[in-house]
Structures are given as C-alpha cells and as structure tokens.
C-alpha cells in the first residue's frame, strides 16, 4: 500500500502552535522536540493509518485518535483511501467531546 497524502487543517496547525507556545514558555527545546514528534507521528500515520483507534465515547464522527507522548491526541480522518487529514491535535486535559 502506498503512503497516504498528508493534509493538515488550519485548526490542527493552530492547536500545535498553542501547545508549542505554552510549553515554550518554560522550555523551548521541549516545545521544538514535541513539534518534531507530532510531525513524525503524522508521517507514521500516513504509512500506517490503521494505528489510530475509533472512540465512540468521545464522538460519533468517523475519525480516529492516535496518542502521542501519552498526553496528546492526533485526531484524523482518512479521505477516499488517498488522503490522511489531521483534523485536530489536542491535549488529554481538554474537553475533547465538546471540542469535536
């Protein structure tokens, strides 16, 4: 199977920026490493989109969740078996049900 093409929504970019800025207040190196980890996770998901899990307890939407570094959730959808769209990148501390 070929890798899926990656699409990242503006909301997901904004999520990453908010998370990174928050962490960078105390540790810029850690913030940079986390952004790199997110990008690595996106590439992994493009190669292996089935790694994520559906979460009916969070949403009825046709999306999958992938955990990054224990406290971060990448929320994505596969489009036409060709594209992997990153919808959001949230922390486990957020009210995920109300955000989605």
PDB file of N, CA and C in Angstrom:
ATOM      1  N   UNK A   1       0.832  -1.184   0.000  1.00  0.00           N
ATOM      2  CA  UNK A   1       0.000   0.000   0.000  1.00  0.00           C
ATOM      3  C   UNK A   1       0.875   1.246   0.000  1.00  0.00           C
ATOM      4  N   UNK A   2       0.498   2.206  -0.809  1.00  0.00           N
ATOM      5  CA  UNK A   2       1.227   3.468  -0.859  1.00  0.00           C
ATOM      6  C   UNK A   2       0.861   4.333   0.336  1.00  0.00           C
ATOM      7  N   UNK A   3       1.798   5.200   0.715  1.00  0.00           N
ATOM      8  CA  UNK A   3       1.515   6.137   1.795  1.00  0.00           C
ATOM      9  C   UNK A   3       0.392   7.075   1.383  1.00  0.00           C
ATOM     10  N   UNK A   4      -0.432   7.428   2.359  1.00  0.00           N
ATOM     11  CA  UNK A   4      -1.485   8.401   2.108  1.00  0.00           C
ATOM     12  C   UNK A   4      -0.878   9.797   2.063  1.00  0.00           C
ATOM     13  N   UNK A   5      -1.513  10.676   1.310  1.00  0.00           N
ATOM     14  CA  UNK A   5      -1.083  12.077   1.266  1.00  0.00           C
ATOM     15  C   UNK A   5      -1.546  12.769   2.538  1.00  0.00           C
ATOM     16  N   UNK A   6      -0.696  13.595   3.102  1.00  0.00           N
ATOM     17  CA  UNK A   6      -0.991  14.269   4.353  1.00  0.00           C
ATOM     18  C   UNK A   6      -1.652  15.620   4.110  1.00  0.00           C
ATOM     19  N   UNK A   7      -2.744  15.851   4.810  1.00  0.00           N
ATOM     20  CA  UNK A   7      -3.404  17.155   4.847  1.00  0.00           C
ATOM     21  C   UNK A   7      -3.512  17.561   6.309  1.00  0.00           C
ATOM     22  N   UNK A   8      -3.178  18.793   6.619  1.00  0.00           N
ATOM     23  CA  UNK A   8      -3.309  19.282   7.990  1.00  0.00           C
ATOM     24  C   UNK A   8      -4.215  20.502   7.965  1.00  0.00           C
ATOM     25  N   UNK A   9      -5.291  20.446   8.740  1.00  0.00           N
ATOM     26  CA  UNK A   9      -6.237  21.560   8.749  1.00  0.00           C
ATOM     27  C   UNK A   9      -5.644  22.763   9.487  1.00  0.00           C
ATOM     28  N   UNK A  10      -6.222  23.911   9.238  1.00  0.00           N
ATOM     29  CA  UNK A  10      -5.768  25.124   9.925  1.00  0.00           C
ATOM     30  C   UNK A  10      -6.020  25.013  11.433  1.00  0.00           C
ATOM     31  N   UNK A  11      -7.084  24.331  11.827  1.00  0.00           N
ATOM     32  CA  UNK A  11      -7.344  24.131  13.258  1.00  0.00           C
ATOM     33  C   UNK A  11      -6.237  23.295  13.890  1.00  0.00           C
ATOM     34  N   UNK A  12      -5.787  22.267  13.192  1.00  0.00           N
ATOM     35  CA  UNK A  12      -4.708  21.431  13.718  1.00  0.00           C
ATOM     36  C   UNK A  12      -3.406  22.229  13.820  1.00  0.00           C
ATOM     37  N   UNK A  13      -3.106  23.032  12.803  1.00  0.00           N
ATOM     38  CA  UNK A  13      -1.915  23.890  12.878  1.00  0.00           C
ATOM     39  C   UNK A  13      -2.010  24.826  14.072  1.00  0.00           C
ATOM     40  N   UNK A  14      -3.200  25.388  14.270  1.00  0.00           N
ATOM     41  CA  UNK A  14      -3.412  26.290  15.399  1.00  0.00           C
ATOM     42  C   UNK A  14      -3.239  25.551  16.730  1.00  0.00           C
ATOM     43  N   UNK A  15      -3.777  24.330  16.814  1.00  0.00           N
ATOM     44  CA  UNK A  15      -3.615  23.521  18.025  1.00  0.00           C
ATOM     45  C   UNK A  15      -2.137  23.314  18.348  1.00  0.00           C
ATOM     46  N   UNK A  16      -1.366  22.956  17.334  1.00  0.00           N
ATOM     47  CA  UNK A  16       0.062  22.703  17.529  1.00  0.00           C
ATOM     48  C   UNK A  16       0.769  23.976  17.994  1.00  0.00           C
ATOM     49  N   UNK A  17       0.409  25.088  17.414  1.00  0.00           N
ATOM     50  CA  UNK A  17       1.023  26.359  17.793  1.00  0.00           C
ATOM     51  C   UNK A  17       0.705  26.710  19.253  1.00  0.00           C
ATOM     52  N   UNK A  18      -0.543  26.513  19.663  1.00  0.00           N
ATOM     53  CA  UNK A  18      -0.937  26.804  21.044  1.00  0.00           C
ATOM     54  C   UNK A  18      -0.184  25.902  22.022  1.00  0.00           C
ATOM     55  N   UNK A  19      -0.126  24.611  21.714  1.00  0.00           N
ATOM     56  CA  UNK A  19       0.584  23.667  22.579  1.00  0.00           C
ATOM     57  C   UNK A  19       2.066  24.024  22.653  1.00  0.00           C
ATOM     58  N   UNK A  20       2.652  24.280  21.506  1.00  0.00           N
ATOM     59  CA  UNK A  20       4.073  24.606  21.445  1.00  0.00           C
ATOM     60  C   UNK A  20       4.386  25.902  22.205  1.00  0.00           C
ATOM     61  N   UNK A  21       3.583  26.920  22.001  1.00  0.00           N
ATOM     62  CA  UNK A  21       3.802  28.194  22.693  1.00  0.00           C
ATOM     63  C   UNK A  21       3.699  28.029  24.204  1.00  0.00           C
ATOM     64  N   UNK A  22       2.746  27.237  24.638  1.00  0.00           N
ATOM     65  CA  UNK A  22       2.565  27.012  26.075  1.00  0.00           C
ATOM     66  C   UNK A  22       3.788  26.325  26.683  1.00  0.00           C
ATOM     67  N   UNK A  23       4.276  25.295  26.012  1.00  0.00           N
ATOM     68  CA  UNK A  23       5.447  24.570  26.512  1.00  0.00           C
ATOM     69  C   UNK A  23       6.709  25.428  26.425  1.00  0.00           C
ATOM     70  N   UNK A  24       6.806  26.221  25.353  1.00  0.00           N
ATOM     71  CA  UNK A  24       7.995  27.044  25.130  1.00  0.00           C
ATOM     72  C   UNK A  24       8.187  28.106  26.208  1.00  0.00           C
ATOM     73  N   UNK A  25       7.121  28.467  26.901  1.00  0.00           N
ATOM     74  CA  UNK A  25       7.257  29.437  27.986  1.00  0.00           C
ATOM     75  C   UNK A  25       8.260  28.948  29.023  1.00  0.00           C
ATOM     76  N   UNK A  26       8.275  27.641  29.260  1.00  0.00           N
ATOM     77  CA  UNK A  26       9.182  27.057  30.241  1.00  0.00           C
ATOM     78  C   UNK A  26      10.387  26.367  29.611  1.00  0.00           C
ATOM     79  N   UNK A  27      10.195  25.836  28.391  1.00  0.00           N
ATOM     80  CA  UNK A  27      11.260  25.024  27.814  1.00  0.00           C
ATOM     81  C   UNK A  27      11.138  25.007  26.286  1.00  0.00           C
ATOM     82  N   UNK A  28      11.891  25.886  25.639  1.00  0.00           N
ATOM     83  CA  UNK A  28      11.816  25.982  24.174  1.00  0.00           C
ATOM     84  C   UNK A  28      12.301  24.711  23.487  1.00  0.00           C
ATOM     85  N   UNK A  29      13.292  24.069  24.059  1.00  0.00           N
ATOM     86  CA  UNK A  29      13.812  22.830  23.469  1.00  0.00           C
ATOM     87  C   UNK A  29      12.743  21.741  23.487  1.00  0.00           C
ATOM     88  N   UNK A  30      12.034  21.628  24.594  1.00  0.00           N
ATOM     89  CA  UNK A  30      10.974  20.620  24.707  1.00  0.00           C
ATOM     90  C   UNK A  30       9.852  20.909  23.712  1.00  0.00           C
ATOM     91  N   UNK A  31       9.533  22.175  23.518  1.00  0.00           N
ATOM     92  CA  UNK A  31       8.490  22.541  22.561  1.00  0.00           C
ATOM     93  C   UNK A  31       8.887  22.147  21.144  1.00  0.00           C
ATOM     94  N   UNK A  32      10.126  22.407  20.796  1.00  0.00           N
ATOM     95  CA  UNK A  32      10.630  22.042  19.467  1.00  0.00           C
ATOM     96  C   UNK A  32      10.608  20.528  19.277  1.00  0.00           C
ATOM     97  N   UNK A  33      11.022  19.793  20.300  1.00  0.00           N
ATOM     98  CA  UNK A  33      11.020  18.328  20.217  1.00  0.00           C
ATOM     99  C   UNK A  33       9.603  17.785  20.061  1.00  0.00           C
ATOM    100  N   UNK A  34       8.650  18.393  20.741  1.00  0.00           N
ATOM    101  CA  UNK A  34       7.266  17.924  20.638  1.00  0.00           C
ATOM    102  C   UNK A  34       6.706  18.160  19.240  1.00  0.00           C
ATOM    103  N   UNK A  35       6.987  19.302  18.651  1.00  0.00           N
ATOM    104  CA  UNK A  35       6.523  19.571  17.285  1.00  0.00           C
ATOM    105  C   UNK A  35       7.132  18.550  16.324  1.00  0.00           C
ATOM    106  N   UNK A  36       8.394  18.236  16.504  1.00  0.00           N
ATOM    107  CA  UNK A  36       9.033  17.208  15.666  1.00  0.00           C
ATOM    108  C   UNK A  36       8.368  15.850  15.877  1.00  0.00           C
ATOM    109  N   UNK A  37       7.998  15.567  17.109  1.00  0.00           N
ATOM    110  CA  UNK A  37       7.319  14.310  17.411  1.00  0.00           C
ATOM    111  C   UNK A  37       5.950  14.246  16.741  1.00  0.00           C
ATOM    112  N   UNK A  38       5.229  15.362  16.728  1.00  0.00           N
ATOM    113  CA  UNK A  38       3.951  15.409  16.021  1.00  0.00           C
ATOM    114  C   UNK A  38       4.156  15.125  14.537  1.00  0.00           C
ATOM    115  N   UNK A  39       5.144  15.768  13.940  1.00  0.00           N
ATOM    116  CA  UNK A  39       5.407  15.559  12.513  1.00  0.00           C
ATOM    117  C   UNK A  39       5.782  14.115  12.219  1.00  0.00           C
ATOM    118  N   UNK A  40       6.550  13.517  13.104  1.00  0.00           N
ATOM    119  CA  UNK A  40       6.905  12.104  12.940  1.00  0.00           C
ATOM    120  C   UNK A  40       5.654  11.232  13.033  1.00  0.00           C
ATOM    121  N   UNK A  41       4.771  11.551  13.967  1.00  0.00           N
ATOM    122  CA  UNK A  41       3.510  10.801  14.110  1.00  0.00           C
ATOM    123  C   UNK A  41       2.660  10.930  12.848  1.00  0.00           C
ATOM    124  N   UNK A  42       2.613  12.118  12.261  1.00  0.00           N
ATOM    125  CA  UNK A  42       1.832  12.312  11.032  1.00  0.00           C
ATOM    126  C   UNK A  42       2.364  11.420   9.910  1.00  0.00           C
ATOM    127  N   UNK A  43       3.678  11.368   9.779  1.00  0.00           N
ATOM    128  CA  UNK A  43       4.279  10.527   8.741  1.00  0.00           C
ATOM    129  C   UNK A  43       3.997   9.046   8.999  1.00  0.00           C
ATOM    130  N   UNK A  44       4.070   8.651  10.253  1.00  0.00           N
ATOM    131  CA  UNK A  44       3.776   7.261  10.619  1.00  0.00           C
ATOM    132  C   UNK A  44       2.332   6.919  10.270  1.00  0.00           C
ATOM    133  N   UNK A  45       1.420   7.823  10.574  1.00  0.00           N
ATOM    134  CA  UNK A  45       0.009   7.586  10.268  1.00  0.00           C
ATOM    135  C   UNK A  45      -0.241   7.510   8.760  1.00  0.00           C
ATOM    136  N   UNK A  46       0.487   8.282   7.984  1.00  0.00           N
ATOM    137  CA  UNK A  46       0.336   8.205   6.528  1.00  0.00           C
ATOM    138  C   UNK A  46       0.758   6.835   6.006  1.00  0.00           C
ATOM    139  N   UNK A  47       1.749   6.218   6.662  1.00  0.00           N
ATOM    140  CA  UNK A  47       2.198   4.881   6.280  1.00  0.00           C
ATOM    141  C   UNK A  47       1.309   3.792   6.848  1.00  0.00           C
ATOM    142  N   UNK A  48       0.789   4.029   8.056  1.00  0.00           N
ATOM    143  CA  UNK A  48       0.014   3.013   8.774  1.00  0.00           C
ATOM    144  C   UNK A  48      -1.248   3.651   9.372  1.00  0.00           C
ATOM    145  N   UNK A  49      -2.194   4.015   8.532  1.00  0.00           N
ATOM    146  CA  UNK A  49      -3.369   4.751   9.019  1.00  0.00           C
ATOM    147  C   UNK A  49      -4.259   3.972   9.982  1.00  0.00           C
ATOM    148  N   UNK A  50      -4.095   2.675  10.039  1.00  0.00           N
ATOM    149  CA  UNK A  50      -4.933   1.879  10.937  1.00  0.00           C
ATOM    150  C   UNK A  50      -4.433   1.886  12.382  1.00  0.00           C
ATOM    151  N   UNK A  51      -3.343   2.576  12.655  1.00  0.00           N
ATOM    152  CA  UNK A  51      -2.812   2.629  14.016  1.00  0.00           C
ATOM    153  C   UNK A  51      -3.758   3.339  14.986  1.00  0.00           C
ATOM    154  N   UNK A  52      -4.488   4.301  14.483  1.00  0.00           N
ATOM    155  CA  UNK A  52      -5.414   5.038  15.340  1.00  0.00           C
ATOM    156  C   UNK A  52      -6.630   4.210  15.704  1.00  0.00           C
ATOM    157  N   UNK A  53      -7.314   4.664  16.734  1.00  0.00           N
ATOM    158  CA  UNK A  53      -8.495   3.959  17.231  1.00  0.00           C
ATOM    159  C   UNK A  53      -9.718   4.861  17.159  1.00  0.00           C
ATOM    160  N   UNK A  54     -10.855   4.272  16.858  1.00  0.00           N
ATOM    161  CA  UNK A  54     -12.125   4.991  16.944  1.00  0.00           C
ATOM    162  C   UNK A  54     -12.482   5.132  18.411  1.00  0.00           C
ATOM    163  N   UNK A  55     -13.149   6.225  18.773  1.00  0.00           N
ATOM    164  CA  UNK A  55     -13.526   6.440  20.163  1.00  0.00           C
ATOM    165  C   UNK A  55     -14.979   6.898  20.225  1.00  0.00           C
ATOM    166  N   UNK A  56     -15.876   5.926  20.289  1.00  0.00           N
ATOM    167  CA  UNK A  56     -17.303   6.239  20.377  1.00  0.00           C
ATOM    168  C   UNK A  56     -17.648   6.990  21.659  1.00  0.00           C
ATOM    169  N   UNK A  57     -16.799   6.874  22.668  1.00  0.00           N
ATOM    170  CA  UNK A  57     -17.049   7.589  23.920  1.00  0.00           C
ATOM    171  C   UNK A  57     -16.735   9.083  23.793  1.00  0.00           C
ATOM    172  N   UNK A  58     -16.000   9.471  22.736  1.00  0.00           N
ATOM    173  CA  UNK A  58     -15.684  10.877  22.502  1.00  0.00           C
ATOM    174  C   UNK A  58     -16.583  11.509  21.451  1.00  0.00           C
ATOM    175  N   UNK A  59     -16.869  10.765  20.378  1.00  0.00           N
ATOM    176  CA  UNK A  59     -17.609  11.361  19.264  1.00  0.00           C
ATOM    177  C   UNK A  59     -18.221  10.280  18.386  1.00  0.00           C
ATOM    178  N   UNK A  60     -19.279  10.647  17.732  1.00  0.00           N
ATOM    179  CA  UNK A  60     -19.922   9.763  16.767  1.00  0.00           C
ATOM    180  C   UNK A  60     -19.318   9.963  15.372  1.00  0.00           C
ATOM    181  N   UNK A  61     -18.458  10.959  15.205  1.00  0.00           N
ATOM    182  CA  UNK A  61     -17.856  11.256  13.911  1.00  0.00           C
ATOM    183  C   UNK A  61     -16.947  10.120  13.461  1.00  0.00           C
ATOM    184  N   UNK A  62     -16.777  10.004  12.167  1.00  0.00           N
ATOM    185  CA  UNK A  62     -15.916   8.979  11.588  1.00  0.00           C
ATOM    186  C   UNK A  62     -14.464   9.472  11.613  1.00  0.00           C
ATOM    187  N   UNK A  63     -13.875   9.452  12.798  1.00  0.00           N
ATOM    188  CA  UNK A  63     -12.496   9.889  12.977  1.00  0.00           C
ATOM    189  C   UNK A  63     -11.754   8.854  13.814  1.00  0.00           C
ATOM    190  N   UNK A  64     -10.425   8.964  13.771  1.00  0.00           N
ATOM    191  CA  UNK A  64      -9.586   8.094  14.583  1.00  0.00           C
ATOM    192  C   UNK A  64      -8.697   8.955  15.475  1.00  0.00           C
ATOM    193  N   UNK A  65      -8.266   8.333  16.569  1.00  0.00           N
ATOM    194  CA  UNK A  65      -7.423   9.015  17.544  1.00  0.00           C
ATOM    195  C   UNK A  65      -6.102   8.270  17.653  1.00  0.00           C
ATOM    196  N   UNK A  66      -5.033   9.036  17.689  1.00  0.00           N
ATOM    197  CA  UNK A  66      -3.695   8.462  17.832  1.00  0.00           C
ATOM    198  C   UNK A  66      -2.992   9.211  18.958  1.00  0.00           C
ATOM    199  N   UNK A  67      -2.497   8.476  19.930  1.00  0.00           N
ATOM    200  CA  UNK A  67      -1.863   9.080  21.100  1.00  0.00           C
ATOM    201  C   UNK A  67      -0.391   9.357  20.806  1.00  0.00           C
ATOM    202  N   UNK A  68       0.035  10.569  21.144  1.00  0.00           N
ATOM    203  CA  UNK A  68       1.427  10.969  21.011  1.00  0.00           C
ATOM    204  C   UNK A  68       1.929  11.375  22.394  1.00  0.00           C
ATOM    205  N   UNK A  69       2.962  10.755  22.822  1.00  0.00           N
ATOM    206  CA  UNK A  69       3.613  11.069  24.097  1.00  0.00           C
ATOM    207  C   UNK A  69       2.633  11.138  25.266  1.00  0.00           C
ATOM    208  N   UNK A  70       1.751  10.202  25.322  1.00  0.00           N
ATOM    209  CA  UNK A  70       0.831   9.951  26.429  1.00  0.00           C
ATOM    210  C   UNK A  70      -0.267  10.995  26.628  1.00  0.00           C
ATOM    211  N   UNK A  71       0.001  12.280  26.437  1.00  0.00           N
ATOM    212  CA  UNK A  71      -0.974  13.315  26.762  1.00  0.00           C
ATOM    213  C   UNK A  71      -1.543  14.074  25.567  1.00  0.00           C
ATOM    214  N   UNK A  72      -1.188  13.674  24.359  1.00  0.00           N
ATOM    215  CA  UNK A  72      -1.640  14.404  23.176  1.00  0.00           C
ATOM    216  C   UNK A  72      -2.373  13.460  22.228  1.00  0.00           C
ATOM    217  N   UNK A  73      -3.444  13.957  21.668  1.00  0.00           N
ATOM    218  CA  UNK A  73      -4.253  13.161  20.744  1.00  0.00           C
ATOM    219  C   UNK A  73      -4.258  13.807  19.368  1.00  0.00           C
ATOM    220  N   UNK A  74      -3.866  13.026  18.387  1.00  0.00           N
ATOM    221  CA  UNK A  74      -3.989  13.445  16.994  1.00  0.00           C
ATOM    222  C   UNK A  74      -5.315  12.869  16.499  1.00  0.00           C
ATOM    223  N   UNK A  75      -6.184  13.739  16.050  1.00  0.00           N
ATOM    224  CA  UNK A  75      -7.496  13.313  15.564  1.00  0.00           C
ATOM    225  C   UNK A  75      -7.484  13.461  14.044  1.00  0.00           C
ATOM    226  N   UNK A  76      -7.768  12.358  13.358  1.00  0.00           N
ATOM    227  CA  UNK A  76      -7.635  12.364  11.905  1.00  0.00           C
ATOM    228  C   UNK A  76      -8.737  11.558  11.233  1.00  0.00           C
ATOM    229  N   UNK A  77      -8.817  11.748   9.941  1.00  0.00           N
ATOM    230  CA  UNK A  77      -9.794  11.044   9.114  1.00  0.00           C
ATOM    231  C   UNK A  77      -9.092  10.647   7.815  1.00  0.00           C
ATOM    232  N   UNK A  78      -9.448   9.491   7.315  1.00  0.00           N
ATOM    233  CA  UNK A  78      -8.946   9.037   6.016  1.00  0.00           C
ATOM    234  C   UNK A  78      -9.974   9.429   4.957  1.00  0.00           C
ATOM    235  N   UNK A  79      -9.515  10.102   3.931  1.00  0.00           N
ATOM    236  CA  UNK A  79     -10.391  10.613   2.870  1.00  0.00           C
ATOM    237  C   UNK A  79     -10.129   9.821   1.594  1.00  0.00           C
ATOM    238  N   UNK A  80     -11.149   9.138   1.112  1.00  0.00           N
ATOM    239  CA  UNK A  80     -11.099   8.411  -0.166  1.00  0.00           C
ATOM    240  C   UNK A  80      -9.915   7.447  -0.296  1.00  0.00           C
ATOM    241  N   UNK A  81      -9.452   6.916   0.822  1.00  0.00           N
ATOM    242  CA  UNK A  81      -8.307   5.998   0.834  1.00  0.00           C
ATOM    243  C   UNK A  81      -7.066   6.566   0.148  1.00  0.00           C
ATOM    244  N   UNK A  82      -7.008   7.897   0.049  1.00  0.00           N
ATOM    245  CA  UNK A  82      -5.864   8.541  -0.589  1.00  0.00           C
ATOM    246  C   UNK A  82      -5.199   9.570   0.313  1.00  0.00           C
ATOM    247  N   UNK A  83      -6.011  10.225   1.135  1.00  0.00           N
ATOM    248  CA  UNK A  83      -5.503  11.319   1.960  1.00  0.00           C
ATOM    249  C   UNK A  83      -5.765  11.060   3.430  1.00  0.00           C
ATOM    250  N   UNK A  84      -4.819  11.481   4.249  1.00  0.00           N
ATOM    251  CA  UNK A  84      -4.991  11.440   5.689  1.00  0.00           C
ATOM    252  C   UNK A  84      -5.070  12.893   6.154  1.00  0.00           C
ATOM    253  N   UNK A  85      -6.204  13.257   6.684  1.00  0.00           N
ATOM    254  CA  UNK A  85      -6.434  14.637   7.095  1.00  0.00           C
ATOM    255  C   UNK A  85      -6.343  14.737   8.615  1.00  0.00           C
ATOM    256  N   UNK A  86      -5.382  15.521   9.085  1.00  0.00           N
ATOM    257  CA  UNK A  86      -5.245  15.792  10.509  1.00  0.00           C
ATOM    258  C   UNK A  86      -6.250  16.892  10.844  1.00  0.00           C
ATOM    259  N   UNK A  87      -7.222  16.547  11.670  1.00  0.00           N
ATOM    260  CA  UNK A  87      -8.285  17.495  12.000  1.00  0.00           C
ATOM    261  C   UNK A  87      -7.935  18.358  13.205  1.00  0.00           C
ATOM    262  N   UNK A  88      -7.396  17.727  14.235  1.00  0.00           N
ATOM    263  CA  UNK A  88      -7.056  18.447  15.466  1.00  0.00           C
ATOM    264  C   UNK A  88      -5.872  17.752  16.137  1.00  0.00           C
ATOM    265  N   UNK A  89      -5.181  18.497  16.975  1.00  0.00           N
ATOM    266  CA  UNK A  89      -4.153  17.958  17.859  1.00  0.00           C
ATOM    267  C   UNK A  89      -4.469  18.546  19.231  1.00  0.00           C
ATOM    268  N   UNK A  90      -4.942  17.699  20.132  1.00  0.00           N
ATOM    269  CA  UNK A  90      -5.439  18.168  21.420  1.00  0.00           C
ATOM    270  C   UNK A  90      -4.686  17.520  22.567  1.00  0.00           C
ATOM    271  N   UNK A  91      -4.770  18.151  23.726  1.00  0.00           N
ATOM    272  CA  UNK A  91      -4.193  17.542  24.923  1.00  0.00           C
ATOM    273  C   UNK A  91      -5.264  16.722  25.616  1.00  0.00           C
ATOM    274  N   UNK A  92      -4.842  15.751  26.362  1.00  0.00           N
ATOM    275  CA  UNK A  92      -5.769  14.903  27.104  1.00  0.00           C
ATOM    276  C   UNK A  92      -6.483  15.687  28.199  1.00  0.00           C
ATOM    277  N   UNK A  93      -6.009  16.889  28.500  1.00  0.00           N
ATOM    278  CA  UNK A  93      -6.598  17.713  29.553  1.00  0.00           C
ATOM    279  C   UNK A  93      -7.759  18.568  29.045  1.00  0.00           C
ATOM    280  N   UNK A  94      -7.957  18.594  27.751  1.00  0.00           N
ATOM    281  CA  UNK A  94      -9.044  19.377  27.184  1.00  0.00           C
ATOM    282  C   UNK A  94     -10.342  18.576  27.176  1.00  0.00           C
ATOM    283  N   UNK A  95     -11.457  19.268  27.101  1.00  0.00           N
ATOM    284  CA  UNK A  95     -12.768  18.622  26.999  1.00  0.00           C
ATOM    285  C   UNK A  95     -12.979  18.250  25.532  1.00  0.00           C
ATOM    286  N   UNK A  96     -12.476  17.094  25.173  1.00  0.00           N
ATOM    287  CA  UNK A  96     -12.452  16.648  23.779  1.00  0.00           C
ATOM    288  C   UNK A  96     -13.845  16.513  23.200  1.00  0.00           C
ATOM    289  N   UNK A  97     -14.774  16.009  23.988  1.00  0.00           N
ATOM    290  CA  UNK A  97     -16.148  15.828  23.499  1.00  0.00           C
ATOM    291  C   UNK A  97     -16.766  17.145  23.070  1.00  0.00           C
ATOM    292  N   UNK A  98     -16.563  18.200  23.835  1.00  0.00           N
ATOM    293  CA  UNK A  98     -17.168  19.480  23.478  1.00  0.00           C
ATOM    294  C   UNK A  98     -16.442  20.154  22.323  1.00  0.00           C
ATOM    295  N   UNK A  99     -15.150  19.874  22.162  1.00  0.00           N
ATOM    296  CA  UNK A  99     -14.381  20.464  21.060  1.00  0.00           C
ATOM    297  C   UNK A  99     -14.779  19.853  19.720  1.00  0.00           C
ATOM    298  N   UNK A 100     -15.001  18.543  19.723  1.00  0.00           N
ATOM    299  CA  UNK A 100     -15.356  17.873  18.478  1.00  0.00           C
ATOM    300  C   UNK A 100     -16.831  18.071  18.182  1.00  0.00           C
TER     301      UNK A 100
END
